[in-house]
Amino acid sequence: MRNMEALTAILQDNYGKSVVIGTHGTALGSILNHYEPAFDCSSFLRIMDWMPYIIELDFQNERLIRKIEQLHKEKEYKK
């Protein structure tokens, strides 16, 4: 999967550093599901209308060891 290949390369190239990555919800959902299989369709639907949705992911080598939801804002739809 392209998302995972890119993230793996970023983690390897920046070992021990803090990195900020921006992506869209579907790509983020697939990444979260890879590391946390319990992140399923209902989990994705929970975050689908959050923009921005900012999470902190901490890795040890290429293993996710912590996820913290830092901020989210519900999208407002115009009628």
C-alpha atoms as a PDB file:
ATOM      1  CA  MET A   1       0.000   0.000   0.000  1.00  0.00           C
ATOM      2  CA  ARG A   2       1.406   3.354  -1.059  1.00  0.00           C
ATOM      3  CA  ASN A   3       0.513   5.124   2.225  1.00  0.00           C
ATOM      4  CA  MET A   4       2.404   2.593   4.292  1.00  0.00           C
ATOM      5  CA  GLU A   5       5.429   2.593   1.990  1.00  0.00           C
ATOM      6  CA  ALA A   6       5.661   6.387   2.264  1.00  0.00           C
ATOM      7  CA  LEU A   7       5.217   6.415   6.044  1.00  0.00           C
ATOM      8  CA  THR A   8       7.779   3.644   6.518  1.00  0.00           C
ATOM      9  CA  ALA A   9      10.313   5.585   4.439  1.00  0.00           C
ATOM     10  CA  ILE A  10       9.627   8.760   6.444  1.00  0.00           C
ATOM     11  CA  LEU A  11      10.069   6.911   9.738  1.00  0.00           C
ATOM     12  CA  GLN A  12      13.314   5.303   8.585  1.00  0.00           C
ATOM     13  CA  ASP A  13      14.737   8.547   7.176  1.00  0.00           C
ATOM     14  CA  ASN A  14      13.858  10.533  10.302  1.00  0.00           C
ATOM     15  CA  TYR A  15      14.564   8.089  13.110  1.00  0.00           C
ATOM     16  CA  GLY A  16      14.630   9.867  16.468  1.00  0.00           C
ATOM     17  CA  LYS A  17      13.167  13.089  15.057  1.00  0.00           C
ATOM     18  CA  SER A  18       9.769  14.713  15.343  1.00  0.00           C
ATOM     19  CA  VAL A  19       7.935  14.874  12.022  1.00  0.00           C
ATOM     20  CA  VAL A  20       4.665  16.542  11.032  1.00  0.00           C
ATOM     21  CA  ILE A  21       2.661  14.936   8.228  1.00  0.00           C
ATOM     22  CA  GLY A  22      -0.546  16.222   6.663  1.00  0.00           C
ATOM     23  CA  THR A  23      -2.924  13.920   4.822  1.00  0.00           C
ATOM     24  CA  HIS A  24      -6.577  13.435   4.015  1.00  0.00           C
ATOM     25  CA  GLY A  25      -8.940  11.328   6.096  1.00  0.00           C
ATOM     26  CA  THR A  26      -9.046   8.207   3.945  1.00  0.00           C
ATOM     27  CA  ALA A  27      -5.257   7.916   3.829  1.00  0.00           C
ATOM     28  CA  LEU A  28      -5.080   8.522   7.570  1.00  0.00           C
ATOM     29  CA  GLY A  29      -7.780   5.919   8.165  1.00  0.00           C
ATOM     30  CA  SER A  30      -5.849   3.283   6.228  1.00  0.00           C
ATOM     31  CA  ILE A  31      -2.664   4.091   8.151  1.00  0.00           C
ATOM     32  CA  LEU A  32      -4.434   3.907  11.516  1.00  0.00           C
ATOM     33  CA  ASN A  33      -6.073   0.608  10.553  1.00  0.00           C
ATOM     34  CA  HIS A  34      -2.671  -0.822   9.623  1.00  0.00           C
ATOM     35  CA  TYR A  35      -1.234  -0.112  13.074  1.00  0.00           C
ATOM     36  CA  GLU A  36      -4.435  -0.504  15.039  1.00  0.00           C
ATOM     37  CA  PRO A  37      -6.776  -3.103  13.456  1.00  0.00           C
ATOM     38  CA  ALA A  38      -9.514  -2.073  15.896  1.00  0.00           C
ATOM     39  CA  PHE A  39      -9.665   1.198  13.906  1.00  0.00           C
ATOM     40  CA  ASP A  40     -12.486   0.018  11.679  1.00  0.00           C
ATOM     41  CA  CYS A  41     -15.264   1.508   9.558  1.00  0.00           C
ATOM     42  CA  SER A  42     -17.148   2.873  12.572  1.00  0.00           C
ATOM     43  CA  SER A  43     -13.913   4.499  13.798  1.00  0.00           C
ATOM     44  CA  PHE A  44     -13.453   6.128  10.401  1.00  0.00           C
ATOM     45  CA  LEU A  45     -17.050   7.357  10.353  1.00  0.00           C
ATOM     46  CA  ARG A  46     -16.433   8.953  13.769  1.00  0.00           C
ATOM     47  CA  ILE A  47     -13.627  11.146  12.387  1.00  0.00           C
ATOM     48  CA  MET A  48     -14.964  11.644   8.854  1.00  0.00           C
ATOM     49  CA  ASP A  49     -16.404  15.112   9.477  1.00  0.00           C
ATOM     50  CA  TRP A  50     -13.522  16.428  11.573  1.00  0.00           C
ATOM     51  CA  MET A  51     -11.380  19.065   9.876  1.00  0.00           C
ATOM     52  CA  PRO A  52      -8.817  19.521  11.122  1.00  0.00           C
ATOM     53  CA  TYR A  53      -8.195  16.289  12.952  1.00  0.00           C
ATOM     54  CA  ILE A  54      -4.788  16.378  14.602  1.00  0.00           C
ATOM     55  CA  ILE A  55      -3.341  13.292  16.230  1.00  0.00           C
ATOM     56  CA  GLU A  56       0.052  12.558  17.675  1.00  0.00           C
ATOM     57  CA  LEU A  57       1.495   9.172  16.800  1.00  0.00           C
ATOM     58  CA  ASP A  58       4.599   7.968  18.595  1.00  0.00           C
ATOM     59  CA  PHE A  59       6.664   5.193  17.060  1.00  0.00           C
ATOM     60  CA  GLN A  60       9.445   2.981  18.319  1.00  0.00           C
ATOM     61  CA  ASN A  61      11.273   2.024  15.158  1.00  0.00           C
ATOM     62  CA  GLU A  62       8.278   1.242  12.914  1.00  0.00           C
ATOM     63  CA  ARG A  63       5.909   0.163  15.689  1.00  0.00           C
ATOM     64  CA  LEU A  64       3.133   2.489  16.870  1.00  0.00           C
ATOM     65  CA  ILE A  65       3.407   2.793  20.637  1.00  0.00           C
ATOM     66  CA  ARG A  66       1.055   5.707  21.393  1.00  0.00           C
ATOM     67  CA  LYS A  67      -1.782   7.651  19.777  1.00  0.00           C
ATOM     68  CA  ILE A  68      -3.109  10.886  21.257  1.00  0.00           C
ATOM     69  CA  GLU A  69      -5.986  12.847  19.744  1.00  0.00           C
ATOM     70  CA  GLN A  70      -4.817  16.448  20.090  1.00  0.00           C
ATOM     71  CA  LEU A  71      -7.552  18.442  18.321  1.00  0.00           C
ATOM     72  CA  HIS A  72     -10.549  18.125  16.092  1.00  0.00           C
ATOM     73  CA  LYS A  73     -13.188  20.488  14.788  1.00  0.00           C
ATOM     74  CA  GLU A  74     -16.511  19.338  13.420  1.00  0.00           C
ATOM     75  CA  LYS A  75     -17.042  20.559   9.853  1.00  0.00           C
ATOM     76  CA  GLU A  76     -19.883  23.016   9.459  1.00  0.00           C
ATOM     77  CA  TYR A  77     -22.029  22.412   6.418  1.00  0.00           C
ATOM     78  CA  LYS A  78     -23.682  25.342   4.677  1.00  0.00           C
ATOM     79  CA  LYS A  79     -27.323  24.875   3.743  1.00  0.00           C
END
